[in-house]
Amino acid sequence: MEVPHRVQLVRHDLVRKEGEAYWRCPNKRGCPSQNVEWLSSFAGRGAMDIEGLGYKTGWLLLDLGG
């Protein structure tokens, strides 16, 4: 599998710290994918347990609020 080195959605290069396996997007607050992941995790059963607030709703909220 070839790892992409650029996030197409926000046009940022991915970074990887030396010795780590994970590639990350450095644009934490401006990356829609990371925002949806955060919201989904926050709203999930292990945290706030907000029913109906998942990925699909997260993307809709981002689209509406920019």
C-alpha atoms as a PDB file:
ATOM      1  CA  MET A   1       0.000   0.000   0.000  1.00  0.00           C
ATOM      2  CA  GLU A   2       1.322   3.422  -0.903  1.00  0.00           C
ATOM      3  CA  VAL A   3       0.754   6.175   1.649  1.00  0.00           C
ATOM      4  CA  PRO A   4      -0.433   9.510   0.240  1.00  0.00           C
ATOM      5  CA  HIS A   5       1.771  12.399   1.313  1.00  0.00           C
ATOM      6  CA  ARG A   6      -0.729  15.163   0.690  1.00  0.00           C
ATOM      7  CA  VAL A   7      -4.255  15.815   1.984  1.00  0.00           C
ATOM      8  CA  GLN A   8      -6.256  16.720  -1.110  1.00  0.00           C
ATOM      9  CA  LEU A   9      -9.179  18.228   0.803  1.00  0.00           C
ATOM     10  CA  VAL A  10      -7.102  20.988   2.419  1.00  0.00           C
ATOM     11  CA  ARG A  11      -3.970  20.797   0.235  1.00  0.00           C
ATOM     12  CA  HIS A  12      -1.512  20.225   3.060  1.00  0.00           C
ATOM     13  CA  ASP A  13       1.462  17.904   3.064  1.00  0.00           C
ATOM     14  CA  LEU A  14       1.309  15.157   5.653  1.00  0.00           C
ATOM     15  CA  VAL A  15       4.069  15.019   8.256  1.00  0.00           C
ATOM     16  CA  ARG A  16       5.565  12.119  10.178  1.00  0.00           C
ATOM     17  CA  LYS A  17       7.758  12.463  13.226  1.00  0.00           C
ATOM     18  CA  GLU A  18      10.962  10.482  13.119  1.00  0.00           C
ATOM     19  CA  GLY A  19      10.486   7.029  14.600  1.00  0.00           C
ATOM     20  CA  GLU A  20       6.676   7.127  14.335  1.00  0.00           C
ATOM     21  CA  ALA A  21       4.534   5.081  11.979  1.00  0.00           C
ATOM     22  CA  TYR A  22       1.680   7.581  11.614  1.00  0.00           C
ATOM     23  CA  TRP A  23       1.443  10.331   9.007  1.00  0.00           C
ATOM     24  CA  ARG A  24      -0.568  13.318  10.223  1.00  0.00           C
ATOM     25  CA  CYS A  25      -2.108  16.439   8.778  1.00  0.00           C
ATOM     26  CA  PRO A  26      -0.526  19.449  10.523  1.00  0.00           C
ATOM     27  CA  ASN A  27      -3.631  21.583   9.880  1.00  0.00           C
ATOM     28  CA  LYS A  28      -5.545  20.499  13.007  1.00  0.00           C
ATOM     29  CA  ARG A  29      -8.153  23.260  13.231  1.00  0.00           C
ATOM     30  CA  GLY A  30      -8.601  23.787   9.504  1.00  0.00           C
ATOM     31  CA  CYS A  31      -8.859  20.150   8.453  1.00  0.00           C
ATOM     32  CA  PRO A  32     -12.500  19.129   7.890  1.00  0.00           C
ATOM     33  CA  SER A  33     -11.711  15.426   8.222  1.00  0.00           C
ATOM     34  CA  GLN A  34     -10.072  15.907  11.615  1.00  0.00           C
ATOM     35  CA  ASN A  35     -12.947  18.122  12.757  1.00  0.00           C
ATOM     36  CA  VAL A  36     -15.528  15.469  11.849  1.00  0.00           C
ATOM     37  CA  GLU A  37     -13.445  12.770  13.568  1.00  0.00           C
ATOM     38  CA  TRP A  38     -13.193  14.917  16.712  1.00  0.00           C
ATOM     39  CA  LEU A  39     -16.920  15.680  16.724  1.00  0.00           C
ATOM     40  CA  SER A  40     -17.813  12.040  16.178  1.00  0.00           C
ATOM     41  CA  SER A  41     -15.527  10.962  19.011  1.00  0.00           C
ATOM     42  CA  PHE A  42     -16.884  13.674  21.337  1.00  0.00           C
ATOM     43  CA  ALA A  43     -20.503  12.794  20.558  1.00  0.00           C
ATOM     44  CA  GLY A  44     -19.945   9.034  20.782  1.00  0.00           C
ATOM     45  CA  ARG A  45     -20.971   6.573  23.472  1.00  0.00           C
ATOM     46  CA  GLY A  46     -17.640   6.836  25.272  1.00  0.00           C
ATOM     47  CA  ALA A  47     -18.084  10.568  25.866  1.00  0.00           C
ATOM     48  CA  MET A  48     -21.313  12.591  25.554  1.00  0.00           C
ATOM     49  CA  ASP A  49     -23.462   9.815  24.023  1.00  0.00           C
ATOM     50  CA  ILE A  50     -25.340  12.147  21.683  1.00  0.00           C
ATOM     51  CA  GLU A  51     -27.640   9.972  19.593  1.00  0.00           C
ATOM     52  CA  GLY A  52     -27.708  10.744  15.869  1.00  0.00           C
ATOM     53  CA  LEU A  53     -24.558  12.870  15.821  1.00  0.00           C
ATOM     54  CA  GLY A  54     -22.236  10.786  13.675  1.00  0.00           C
ATOM     55  CA  TYR A  55     -20.118  11.217  10.574  1.00  0.00           C
ATOM     56  CA  LYS A  56     -22.949  12.115   8.230  1.00  0.00           C
ATOM     57  CA  THR A  57     -24.313  14.802  10.550  1.00  0.00           C
ATOM     58  CA  GLY A  58     -20.808  16.057  11.236  1.00  0.00           C
ATOM     59  CA  TRP A  59     -20.170  16.619   7.527  1.00  0.00           C
ATOM     60  CA  LEU A  60     -23.568  18.328   7.169  1.00  0.00           C
ATOM     61  CA  LEU A  61     -22.751  20.673  10.055  1.00  0.00           C
ATOM     62  CA  LEU A  62     -19.374  21.527   8.528  1.00  0.00           C
ATOM     63  CA  ASP A  63     -20.992  22.196   5.163  1.00  0.00           C
ATOM     64  CA  LEU A  64     -23.565  24.505   6.759  1.00  0.00           C
ATOM     65  CA  GLY A  65     -21.185  26.346   9.055  1.00  0.00           C
ATOM     66  CA  GLY A  66     -18.103  26.408   6.942  1.00  0.00           C
END
